[in-house]
Amino acid sequence: MLPFERVTIIGLGLIGSSIARAVRATMPTVRITGHDSSARVREVVRAMQLCDDVTDMPGTAAIDADLVILCVPVGAMSEVAALLAADMPADAIVSDVGSSKAGVSQTLSTALPRNAIVPAHPVAGTEHSGPQAGFAALFQGRWCILTPASDVPEVAVTRVASFWEQLGSNVEIMDAAHHDLVLAITSHLPHLIAYTIVGTASDLETVTQSEVIKYSAGGFRDFTRIAASDPVMWRDVFLSNKDAVLEMLQRFSEDLTVLQRAIRWGDGDALFDLFTRTRAVRRSIIEQGQDDARPDFGRGDH
């Protein structure tokens, strides 16, 4: 039995278009309606036939939906939800795909008080953006974390969980504040570090930009991949999850000072112990199927 028959996707970038593709692949009888604020994106999605219908107005997309997923930057969530309010069916379940969650339930509940709100975070993505970057297998074997408030009907949570499971995700239900703390260290801080390192390299007066590009070793190339992520999305993530990010940034800064001291005083044992522990973390990630041991991380072209 399908958890939903009519799914509306608001925002048709990497995640939104991947959801549309994945629904087509796994639940082909589900009717997909889409909307994007960009007229160019709407035309691209129509040409690609990713949705059964693409509307020019957000409210029109939601009129007969039983699941509405907001795939927009966290900072735009309130404005977009307000545009949907007049046309949103009272029995529609509303979800999202944002990387920070603590404020989402309150934001959406305020704008859409009649609807069950089940925030979601599919922990999947690439550095690419736009509808052409999406692919149906993006969520296969990845985690999708749901962070519903305690008063949300259990049946709504169960239906959204079933939806993501049918797209191939492993589903976890978590407190929103705890989610934001976990993701601050596993996702948000790494992005902040990547943006900083690549920015520092581009600002060095003694190293030209052509040298940075020409002699990029594997480590720096990996940072540039992360630092190529959508700037609007990540600006909003850092601002919306600032408390958890700042807490993790302080912890990282303290650990970095310890590492700096070990290098300064030639403490090879301390460096060796740290690097041994971090290798074990990498092996665990691969063993749990959250990445690939191949040199290209198994990503290739999709």
C-alpha atoms as a PDB file:
ATOM      1  CA  MET A   1       0.000   0.000   0.000  1.00  0.00           C
ATOM      2  CA  LEU A   2       1.319   3.425  -0.968  1.00  0.00           C
ATOM      3  CA  PRO A   3       1.820   5.899   1.893  1.00  0.00           C
ATOM      4  CA  PHE A   4       0.708   8.766  -0.393  1.00  0.00           C
ATOM      5  CA  GLU A   5      -1.041   9.031  -3.747  1.00  0.00           C
ATOM      6  CA  ARG A   6      -0.394  12.708  -4.560  1.00  0.00           C
ATOM      7  CA  VAL A   7       2.990  14.224  -3.701  1.00  0.00           C
ATOM      8  CA  THR A   8       3.857  17.883  -4.175  1.00  0.00           C
ATOM      9  CA  ILE A   9       7.498  18.990  -4.282  1.00  0.00           C
ATOM     10  CA  ILE A  10       8.230  22.681  -3.719  1.00  0.00           C
ATOM     11  CA  GLY A  11      11.765  23.416  -4.915  1.00  0.00           C
ATOM     12  CA  LEU A  12      13.136  21.346  -7.785  1.00  0.00           C
ATOM     13  CA  GLY A  13      16.891  21.482  -7.279  1.00  0.00           C
ATOM     14  CA  LEU A  14      19.173  18.527  -6.501  1.00  0.00           C
ATOM     15  CA  ILE A  15      17.088  17.084  -3.661  1.00  0.00           C
ATOM     16  CA  GLY A  16      13.639  17.957  -5.009  1.00  0.00           C
ATOM     17  CA  SER A  17      14.353  16.589  -8.476  1.00  0.00           C
ATOM     18  CA  SER A  18      15.945  13.470  -6.964  1.00  0.00           C
ATOM     19  CA  ILE A  19      12.798  12.861  -4.915  1.00  0.00           C
ATOM     20  CA  ALA A  20      10.718  13.179  -8.094  1.00  0.00           C
ATOM     21  CA  ARG A  21      12.971  10.700  -9.900  1.00  0.00           C
ATOM     22  CA  ALA A  22      12.975   8.290  -6.956  1.00  0.00           C
ATOM     23  CA  VAL A  23       9.171   8.407  -6.651  1.00  0.00           C
ATOM     24  CA  ARG A  24       8.886   7.694 -10.396  1.00  0.00           C
ATOM     25  CA  ALA A  25      11.220   4.711  -9.995  1.00  0.00           C
ATOM     26  CA  THR A  26       9.748   3.203  -6.822  1.00  0.00           C
ATOM     27  CA  MET A  27       6.101   4.362  -6.785  1.00  0.00           C
ATOM     28  CA  PRO A  28       5.193   4.915 -10.443  1.00  0.00           C
ATOM     29  CA  THR A  29       1.445   5.369  -9.828  1.00  0.00           C
ATOM     30  CA  VAL A  30       1.974   8.308  -7.463  1.00  0.00           C
ATOM     31  CA  ARG A  31       1.045  11.652  -9.022  1.00  0.00           C
ATOM     32  CA  ILE A  32       3.865  14.205  -8.677  1.00  0.00           C
ATOM     33  CA  THR A  33       3.213  17.942  -8.814  1.00  0.00           C
ATOM     34  CA  GLY A  34       6.124  20.351  -8.645  1.00  0.00           C
ATOM     35  CA  HIS A  35       6.834  24.036  -8.272  1.00  0.00           C
ATOM     36  CA  ASP A  36      10.012  26.099  -8.262  1.00  0.00           C
ATOM     37  CA  SER A  37      10.347  29.845  -7.815  1.00  0.00           C
ATOM     38  CA  SER A  38      12.608  29.995 -10.890  1.00  0.00           C
ATOM     39  CA  ALA A  39      10.795  30.096 -14.225  1.00  0.00           C
ATOM     40  CA  ARG A  40      13.889  28.668 -15.906  1.00  0.00           C
ATOM     41  CA  VAL A  41      13.942  25.691 -13.543  1.00  0.00           C
ATOM     42  CA  ARG A  42      10.231  25.103 -14.114  1.00  0.00           C
ATOM     43  CA  GLU A  43      10.804  24.967 -17.870  1.00  0.00           C
ATOM     44  CA  VAL A  44      13.754  22.583 -17.474  1.00  0.00           C
ATOM     45  CA  VAL A  45      11.692  20.257 -15.271  1.00  0.00           C
ATOM     46  CA  ARG A  46       8.788  20.334 -17.733  1.00  0.00           C
ATOM     47  CA  ALA A  47      11.146  19.474 -20.582  1.00  0.00           C
ATOM     48  CA  MET A  48      12.620  16.610 -18.540  1.00  0.00           C
ATOM     49  CA  GLN A  49       9.116  15.395 -17.595  1.00  0.00           C
ATOM     50  CA  LEU A  50      10.143  14.861 -13.991  1.00  0.00           C
ATOM     51  CA  CYS A  51       6.650  15.707 -12.720  1.00  0.00           C
ATOM     52  CA  ASP A  52       3.122  15.062 -13.912  1.00  0.00           C
ATOM     53  CA  ASP A  53       2.467  18.780 -13.543  1.00  0.00           C
ATOM     54  CA  VAL A  54       4.629  21.830 -12.828  1.00  0.00           C
ATOM     55  CA  THR A  55       2.739  24.890 -11.619  1.00  0.00           C
ATOM     56  CA  ASP A  56       3.702  28.535 -11.870  1.00  0.00           C
ATOM     57  CA  MET A  57       2.283  29.338  -8.420  1.00  0.00           C
ATOM     58  CA  PRO A  58       3.225  27.415  -5.258  1.00  0.00           C
ATOM     59  CA  GLY A  59      -0.323  27.291  -3.896  1.00  0.00           C
ATOM     60  CA  THR A  60      -1.637  25.694  -7.063  1.00  0.00           C
ATOM     61  CA  ALA A  61       0.822  22.822  -6.624  1.00  0.00           C
ATOM     62  CA  ALA A  62      -0.524  22.028  -3.164  1.00  0.00           C
ATOM     63  CA  ILE A  63      -4.274  22.134  -3.833  1.00  0.00           C
ATOM     64  CA  ASP A  64      -4.947  18.374  -3.916  1.00  0.00           C
ATOM     65  CA  ALA A  65      -1.748  17.022  -2.321  1.00  0.00           C
ATOM     66  CA  ASP A  66      -1.640  14.549   0.535  1.00  0.00           C
ATOM     67  CA  LEU A  67       2.109  15.083   1.062  1.00  0.00           C
ATOM     68  CA  VAL A  68       3.869  18.412   0.487  1.00  0.00           C
ATOM     69  CA  ILE A  69       7.669  18.444   0.713  1.00  0.00           C
ATOM     70  CA  LEU A  70       9.459  21.792   0.962  1.00  0.00           C
ATOM     71  CA  CYS A  71      12.846  21.421  -0.748  1.00  0.00           C
ATOM     72  CA  VAL A  72      13.888  25.033  -0.273  1.00  0.00           C
ATOM     73  CA  PRO A  73      16.692  26.683   1.734  1.00  0.00           C
ATOM     74  CA  VAL A  74      15.963  26.774   5.454  1.00  0.00           C
ATOM     75  CA  GLY A  75      15.905  30.564   5.408  1.00  0.00           C
ATOM     76  CA  ALA A  76      13.079  30.562   2.839  1.00  0.00           C
ATOM     77  CA  MET A  77      10.893  28.047   4.702  1.00  0.00           C
ATOM     78  CA  SER A  78       8.633  30.566   6.440  1.00  0.00           C
ATOM     79  CA  GLU A  79       8.002  32.648   3.322  1.00  0.00           C
ATOM     80  CA  VAL A  80       7.237  29.630   1.149  1.00  0.00           C
ATOM     81  CA  ALA A  81       4.946  28.051   3.741  1.00  0.00           C
ATOM     82  CA  ALA A  82       2.995  31.314   3.987  1.00  0.00           C
ATOM     83  CA  LEU A  83       2.466  31.268   0.212  1.00  0.00           C
ATOM     84  CA  LEU A  84       1.032  27.747   0.486  1.00  0.00           C
ATOM     85  CA  ALA A  85      -1.276  28.351   3.447  1.00  0.00           C
ATOM     86  CA  ALA A  86      -4.444  29.439   1.641  1.00  0.00           C
ATOM     87  CA  ASP A  87      -4.430  26.437  -0.705  1.00  0.00           C
ATOM     88  CA  MET A  88      -3.102  23.710   1.589  1.00  0.00           C
ATOM     89  CA  PRO A  89      -5.604  20.872   2.243  1.00  0.00           C
ATOM     90  CA  ALA A  90      -6.160  20.432   5.987  1.00  0.00           C
ATOM     91  CA  ASP A  91      -5.414  16.706   5.781  1.00  0.00           C
ATOM     92  CA  ALA A  92      -2.133  17.129   3.883  1.00  0.00           C
ATOM     93  CA  ILE A  93       1.058  16.196   5.707  1.00  0.00           C
ATOM     94  CA  VAL A  94       3.861  18.751   5.367  1.00  0.00           C
ATOM     95  CA  SER A  95       7.547  17.850   5.399  1.00  0.00           C
ATOM     96  CA  ASP A  96      10.861  19.317   4.305  1.00  0.00           C
ATOM     97  CA  VAL A  97      14.467  18.287   3.610  1.00  0.00           C
ATOM     98  CA  GLY A  98      16.432  20.935   5.525  1.00  0.00           C
ATOM     99  CA  SER A  99      19.805  20.239   7.143  1.00  0.00           C
ATOM    100  CA  SER A 100      18.883  21.970  10.408  1.00  0.00           C
ATOM    101  CA  LYS A 101      15.684  21.052  12.213  1.00  0.00           C
ATOM    102  CA  ALA A 102      15.138  22.786  15.568  1.00  0.00           C
ATOM    103  CA  GLY A 103      13.288  25.755  14.118  1.00  0.00           C
ATOM    104  CA  VAL A 104      11.511  23.988  11.265  1.00  0.00           C
ATOM    105  CA  SER A 105       8.589  22.516  13.214  1.00  0.00           C
ATOM    106  CA  GLN A 106       7.787  25.868  14.795  1.00  0.00           C
ATOM    107  CA  THR A 107       8.184  27.756  11.525  1.00  0.00           C
ATOM    108  CA  LEU A 108       5.926  25.414   9.574  1.00  0.00           C
ATOM    109  CA  SER A 109       3.401  24.977  12.398  1.00  0.00           C
ATOM    110  CA  THR A 110       3.000  28.746  12.672  1.00  0.00           C
ATOM    111  CA  ALA A 111       2.415  29.135   8.937  1.00  0.00           C
ATOM    112  CA  LEU A 112       0.321  25.955   8.527  1.00  0.00           C
ATOM    113  CA  PRO A 113      -1.471  25.375  11.863  1.00  0.00           C
ATOM    114  CA  ARG A 114      -4.047  22.930  10.432  1.00  0.00           C
ATOM    115  CA  ASN A 115      -1.478  20.488   9.069  1.00  0.00           C
ATOM    116  CA  ALA A 116       0.596  17.677  10.561  1.00  0.00           C
ATOM    117  CA  ILE A 117       4.261  18.689  10.296  1.00  0.00           C
ATOM    118  CA  VAL A 118       6.877  15.921   9.981  1.00  0.00           C
ATOM    119  CA  PRO A 119      10.286  17.527   9.341  1.00  0.00           C
ATOM    120  CA  ALA A 120      12.799  15.320   7.550  1.00  0.00           C
ATOM    121  CA  HIS A 121      16.472  15.420   6.684  1.00  0.00           C
ATOM    122  CA  PRO A 122      17.693  12.990   4.025  1.00  0.00           C
ATOM    123  CA  VAL A 123      21.418  12.786   4.788  1.00  0.00           C
ATOM    124  CA  ALA A 124      22.417  12.598   1.159  1.00  0.00           C
ATOM    125  CA  GLY A 125      23.578  14.970  -1.526  1.00  0.00           C
ATOM    126  CA  THR A 126      26.373  16.058  -3.799  1.00  0.00           C
ATOM    127  CA  GLU A 127      28.152  19.343  -4.418  1.00  0.00           C
ATOM    128  CA  HIS A 128      26.057  19.859  -7.554  1.00  0.00           C
ATOM    129  CA  SER A 129      22.777  21.725  -7.715  1.00  0.00           C
ATOM    130  CA  GLY A 130      19.823  22.167 -10.044  1.00  0.00           C
ATOM    131  CA  PRO A 131      17.293  19.716 -11.503  1.00  0.00           C
ATOM    132  CA  GLN A 132      19.797  18.204 -13.934  1.00  0.00           C
ATOM    133  CA  ALA A 133      21.999  17.140 -10.991  1.00  0.00           C
ATOM    134  CA  GLY A 134      19.381  14.881  -9.406  1.00  0.00           C
ATOM    135  CA  PHE A 135      19.268  11.088  -9.657  1.00  0.00           C
ATOM    136  CA  ALA A 136      16.852   8.452  -8.391  1.00  0.00           C
ATOM    137  CA  ALA A 137      19.407   6.462  -6.384  1.00  0.00           C
ATOM    138  CA  LEU A 138      20.537   9.443  -4.278  1.00  0.00           C
ATOM    139  CA  PHE A 139      18.725   8.162  -1.165  1.00  0.00           C
ATOM    140  CA  GLN A 140      19.484   4.458  -1.539  1.00  0.00           C
ATOM    141  CA  GLY A 141      21.068   3.129   1.641  1.00  0.00           C
ATOM    142  CA  ARG A 142      21.331   6.623   3.174  1.00  0.00           C
ATOM    143  CA  TRP A 143      19.745   7.807   6.391  1.00  0.00           C
ATOM    144  CA  CYS A 144      16.687  10.016   6.513  1.00  0.00           C
ATOM    145  CA  ILE A 145      16.166  11.556   9.945  1.00  0.00           C
ATOM    146  CA  LEU A 146      12.637  12.569  10.990  1.00  0.00           C
ATOM    147  CA  THR A 147      12.238  15.119  13.795  1.00  0.00           C
ATOM    148  CA  PRO A 148       8.497  15.464  14.522  1.00  0.00           C
ATOM    149  CA  ALA A 149       7.270  17.348  17.581  1.00  0.00           C
ATOM    150  CA  SER A 150       5.798  15.212  20.362  1.00  0.00           C
ATOM    151  CA  ASP A 151       2.210  16.228  19.549  1.00  0.00           C
ATOM    152  CA  VAL A 152       2.315  15.184  15.870  1.00  0.00           C
ATOM    153  CA  PRO A 153      -0.042  12.233  15.176  1.00  0.00           C
ATOM    154  CA  GLU A 154       1.854   8.953  15.026  1.00  0.00           C
ATOM    155  CA  VAL A 155       0.096   7.945  11.815  1.00  0.00           C
ATOM    156  CA  ALA A 156       1.561  10.988  10.051  1.00  0.00           C
ATOM    157  CA  VAL A 157       5.077  10.078  11.176  1.00  0.00           C
ATOM    158  CA  THR A 158       4.571   6.464  10.106  1.00  0.00           C
ATOM    159  CA  ARG A 159       3.409   7.504   6.622  1.00  0.00           C
ATOM    160  CA  VAL A 160       6.375   9.822   6.069  1.00  0.00           C
ATOM    161  CA  ALA A 161       8.757   7.137   7.345  1.00  0.00           C
ATOM    162  CA  SER A 162       7.221   4.631   4.930  1.00  0.00           C
ATOM    163  CA  PHE A 163       7.607   7.118   2.066  1.00  0.00           C
ATOM    164  CA  TRP A 164      11.345   7.488   2.668  1.00  0.00           C
ATOM    165  CA  GLU A 165      11.811   3.771   3.157  1.00  0.00           C
ATOM    166  CA  GLN A 166      10.250   3.156  -0.242  1.00  0.00           C
ATOM    167  CA  LEU A 167      12.775   5.597  -1.726  1.00  0.00           C
ATOM    168  CA  GLY A 168      15.508   3.345  -0.298  1.00  0.00           C
ATOM    169  CA  SER A 169      16.402   5.281   2.848  1.00  0.00           C
ATOM    170  CA  ASN A 170      17.043   4.020   6.352  1.00  0.00           C
ATOM    171  CA  VAL A 171      14.791   6.048   8.655  1.00  0.00           C
ATOM    172  CA  GLU A 172      15.668   7.308  12.128  1.00  0.00           C
ATOM    173  CA  ILE A 173      13.421   9.382  14.407  1.00  0.00           C
ATOM    174  CA  MET A 174      15.299  11.894  16.542  1.00  0.00           C
ATOM    175  CA  ASP A 175      14.775  14.943  18.713  1.00  0.00           C
ATOM    176  CA  ALA A 176      15.311  18.056  16.602  1.00  0.00           C
ATOM    177  CA  ALA A 177      17.849  19.692  18.929  1.00  0.00           C
ATOM    178  CA  HIS A 178      19.880  16.473  19.141  1.00  0.00           C
ATOM    179  CA  HIS A 179      19.785  16.175  15.338  1.00  0.00           C
ATOM    180  CA  ASP A 180      21.237  19.663  15.007  1.00  0.00           C
ATOM    181  CA  LEU A 181      24.080  18.871  17.401  1.00  0.00           C
ATOM    182  CA  VAL A 182      24.936  15.611  15.597  1.00  0.00           C
ATOM    183  CA  LEU A 183      24.818  17.203  12.154  1.00  0.00           C
ATOM    184  CA  ALA A 184      26.851  20.178  13.338  1.00  0.00           C
ATOM    185  CA  ILE A 185      29.861  17.875  13.732  1.00  0.00           C
ATOM    186  CA  THR A 186      29.202  15.392  10.907  1.00  0.00           C
ATOM    187  CA  SER A 187      28.138  17.862   8.213  1.00  0.00           C
ATOM    188  CA  HIS A 188      28.014  21.539   9.095  1.00  0.00           C
ATOM    189  CA  LEU A 189      31.482  21.924  10.634  1.00  0.00           C
ATOM    190  CA  PRO A 190      33.190  19.978   7.797  1.00  0.00           C
ATOM    191  CA  HIS A 191      31.556  22.326   5.297  1.00  0.00           C
ATOM    192  CA  LEU A 192      32.662  25.362   7.300  1.00  0.00           C
ATOM    193  CA  ILE A 193      36.234  24.048   7.424  1.00  0.00           C
ATOM    194  CA  ALA A 194      36.199  23.295   3.688  1.00  0.00           C
ATOM    195  CA  TYR A 195      34.955  26.788   2.833  1.00  0.00           C
ATOM    196  CA  THR A 196      37.678  28.247   5.071  1.00  0.00           C
ATOM    197  CA  ILE A 197      40.571  26.175   3.691  1.00  0.00           C
ATOM    198  CA  VAL A 198      39.645  26.809   0.073  1.00  0.00           C
ATOM    199  CA  GLY A 199      39.143  30.499   0.837  1.00  0.00           C
ATOM    200  CA  THR A 200      42.531  30.692   2.565  1.00  0.00           C
ATOM    201  CA  ALA A 201      44.245  29.036  -0.409  1.00  0.00           C
ATOM    202  CA  SER A 202      42.643  31.469  -2.821  1.00  0.00           C
ATOM    203  CA  ASP A 203      43.813  34.438  -0.700  1.00  0.00           C
ATOM    204  CA  LEU A 204      47.490  33.444  -0.342  1.00  0.00           C
ATOM    205  CA  GLU A 205      49.669  36.133  -1.866  1.00  0.00           C
ATOM    206  CA  THR A 206      52.716  33.844  -2.110  1.00  0.00           C
ATOM    207  CA  VAL A 207      50.837  31.138  -4.050  1.00  0.00           C
ATOM    208  CA  THR A 208      49.073  31.964  -7.284  1.00  0.00           C
ATOM    209  CA  GLN A 209      45.619  30.616  -8.063  1.00  0.00           C
ATOM    210  CA  SER A 210      47.017  28.663 -11.008  1.00  0.00           C
ATOM    211  CA  GLU A 211      49.474  26.897  -8.676  1.00  0.00           C
ATOM    212  CA  VAL A 212      46.694  26.021  -6.238  1.00  0.00           C
ATOM    213  CA  ILE A 213      44.739  24.432  -9.074  1.00  0.00           C
ATOM    214  CA  LYS A 214      47.735  22.808 -10.813  1.00  0.00           C
ATOM    215  CA  TYR A 215      49.264  21.183  -7.734  1.00  0.00           C
ATOM    216  CA  SER A 216      46.110  20.278  -5.817  1.00  0.00           C
ATOM    217  CA  ALA A 217      46.678  17.049  -3.907  1.00  0.00           C
ATOM    218  CA  GLY A 218      43.847  14.683  -3.086  1.00  0.00           C
ATOM    219  CA  GLY A 219      43.065  16.242   0.283  1.00  0.00           C
ATOM    220  CA  PHE A 220      42.634  19.739  -1.114  1.00  0.00           C
ATOM    221  CA  ARG A 221      40.577  18.432  -4.042  1.00  0.00           C
ATOM    222  CA  ASP A 222      38.171  16.805  -1.575  1.00  0.00           C
ATOM    223  CA  PHE A 223      37.809  20.118   0.244  1.00  0.00           C
ATOM    224  CA  THR A 224      37.057  21.936  -3.016  1.00  0.00           C
ATOM    225  CA  ARG A 225      34.307  19.431  -3.777  1.00  0.00           C
ATOM    226  CA  ILE A 226      32.608  20.203  -0.471  1.00  0.00           C
ATOM    227  CA  ALA A 227      33.240  23.940  -0.848  1.00  0.00           C
ATOM    228  CA  ALA A 228      31.445  23.904  -4.210  1.00  0.00           C
ATOM    229  CA  SER A 229      28.114  23.225  -2.469  1.00  0.00           C
ATOM    230  CA  ASP A 230      25.131  25.553  -2.829  1.00  0.00           C
ATOM    231  CA  PRO A 231      26.088  28.854  -1.110  1.00  0.00           C
ATOM    232  CA  VAL A 232      22.500  29.903  -0.376  1.00  0.00           C
ATOM    233  CA  MET A 233      21.631  26.611   1.287  1.00  0.00           C
ATOM    234  CA  TRP A 234      24.751  26.579   3.449  1.00  0.00           C
ATOM    235  CA  ARG A 235      24.483  30.229   4.427  1.00  0.00           C
ATOM    236  CA  ASP A 236      21.000  29.462   5.781  1.00  0.00           C
ATOM    237  CA  VAL A 237      22.140  26.254   7.515  1.00  0.00           C
ATOM    238  CA  PHE A 238      24.884  28.032   9.466  1.00  0.00           C
ATOM    239  CA  LEU A 239      22.590  30.870  10.502  1.00  0.00           C
ATOM    240  CA  SER A 240      19.703  28.600  11.493  1.00  0.00           C
ATOM    241  CA  ASN A 241      21.911  26.152  13.420  1.00  0.00           C
ATOM    242  CA  LYS A 242      24.346  28.701  14.807  1.00  0.00           C
ATOM    243  CA  ASP A 243      24.275  27.564  18.456  1.00  0.00           C
ATOM    244  CA  ALA A 244      25.206  23.952  17.686  1.00  0.00           C
ATOM    245  CA  VAL A 245      27.740  24.999  15.024  1.00  0.00           C
ATOM    246  CA  LEU A 246      29.428  27.453  17.384  1.00  0.00           C
ATOM    247  CA  GLU A 247      29.569  24.804  20.128  1.00  0.00           C
ATOM    248  CA  MET A 248      31.228  22.297  17.787  1.00  0.00           C
ATOM    249  CA  LEU A 249      33.509  24.995  16.360  1.00  0.00           C
ATOM    250  CA  GLN A 250      34.744  25.809  19.871  1.00  0.00           C
ATOM    251  CA  ARG A 251      35.462  22.126  20.543  1.00  0.00           C
ATOM    252  CA  PHE A 252      37.279  21.837  17.205  1.00  0.00           C
ATOM    253  CA  SER A 253      39.316  24.956  17.965  1.00  0.00           C
ATOM    254  CA  GLU A 254      40.440  23.459  21.283  1.00  0.00           C
ATOM    255  CA  ASP A 255      41.405  20.171  19.616  1.00  0.00           C
ATOM    256  CA  LEU A 256      43.270  22.090  16.902  1.00  0.00           C
ATOM    257  CA  THR A 257      45.288  23.880  19.588  1.00  0.00           C
ATOM    258  CA  VAL A 258      46.318  20.505  21.054  1.00  0.00           C
ATOM    259  CA  LEU A 259      47.409  19.359  17.569  1.00  0.00           C
ATOM    260  CA  GLN A 260      49.314  22.598  17.012  1.00  0.00           C
ATOM    261  CA  ARG A 261      51.152  22.080  20.298  1.00  0.00           C
ATOM    262  CA  ALA A 262      52.075  18.488  19.370  1.00  0.00           C
ATOM    263  CA  ILE A 263      53.561  19.631  16.065  1.00  0.00           C
ATOM    264  CA  ARG A 264      55.414  22.535  17.700  1.00  0.00           C
ATOM    265  CA  TRP A 265      57.012  20.283  20.341  1.00  0.00           C
ATOM    266  CA  GLY A 266      57.655  17.338  18.053  1.00  0.00           C
ATOM    267  CA  ASP A 267      55.266  15.024  19.886  1.00  0.00           C
ATOM    268  CA  GLY A 268      55.106  12.268  17.294  1.00  0.00           C
ATOM    269  CA  ASP A 269      53.328   9.831  19.625  1.00  0.00           C
ATOM    270  CA  ALA A 270      50.385  12.215  20.067  1.00  0.00           C
ATOM    271  CA  LEU A 271      50.111  12.706  16.312  1.00  0.00           C
ATOM    272  CA  PHE A 272      50.326   8.957  15.645  1.00  0.00           C
ATOM    273  CA  ASP A 273      47.639   8.182  18.230  1.00  0.00           C
ATOM    274  CA  LEU A 274      45.256  10.760  16.758  1.00  0.00           C
ATOM    275  CA  PHE A 275      45.770   9.589  13.179  1.00  0.00           C
ATOM    276  CA  THR A 276      45.249   5.963  14.228  1.00  0.00           C
ATOM    277  CA  ARG A 277      41.915   6.814  15.860  1.00  0.00           C
ATOM    278  CA  THR A 278      40.731   8.757  12.804  1.00  0.00           C
ATOM    279  CA  ARG A 279      41.558   5.851  10.467  1.00  0.00           C
ATOM    280  CA  ALA A 280      39.285   3.649  12.574  1.00  0.00           C
ATOM    281  CA  VAL A 281      36.420   6.122  12.118  1.00  0.00           C
ATOM    282  CA  ARG A 282      36.900   5.991   8.341  1.00  0.00           C
ATOM    283  CA  ARG A 283      36.838   2.189   8.337  1.00  0.00           C
ATOM    284  CA  SER A 284      33.623   2.188  10.370  1.00  0.00           C
ATOM    285  CA  ILE A 285      31.911   4.529   7.897  1.00  0.00           C
ATOM    286  CA  ILE A 286      32.810   2.219   5.023  1.00  0.00           C
ATOM    287  CA  GLU A 287      31.784  -0.919   6.946  1.00  0.00           C
ATOM    288  CA  GLN A 288      28.350   0.588   7.631  1.00  0.00           C
ATOM    289  CA  GLY A 289      27.848   1.326   3.928  1.00  0.00           C
ATOM    290  CA  GLN A 290      27.892   5.122   4.273  1.00  0.00           C
ATOM    291  CA  ASP A 291      30.770   5.529   1.810  1.00  0.00           C
ATOM    292  CA  ASP A 292      32.896   3.540  -0.598  1.00  0.00           C
ATOM    293  CA  ALA A 293      36.532   2.488  -0.204  1.00  0.00           C
ATOM    294  CA  ARG A 294      37.348   3.012  -3.892  1.00  0.00           C
ATOM    295  CA  PRO A 295      39.653   5.933  -4.821  1.00  0.00           C
ATOM    296  CA  ASP A 296      36.728   7.906  -6.307  1.00  0.00           C
ATOM    297  CA  PHE A 297      34.538   6.970  -3.298  1.00  0.00           C
ATOM    298  CA  GLY A 298      32.357   5.016  -5.734  1.00  0.00           C
ATOM    299  CA  ARG A 299      30.688   8.251  -6.808  1.00  0.00           C
ATOM    300  CA  GLY A 300      31.537   8.386 -10.494  1.00  0.00           C
ATOM    301  CA  ASP A 301      28.977   9.935 -12.814  1.00  0.00           C
ATOM    302  CA  HIS A 302      25.260   9.495 -12.272  1.00  0.00           C
END
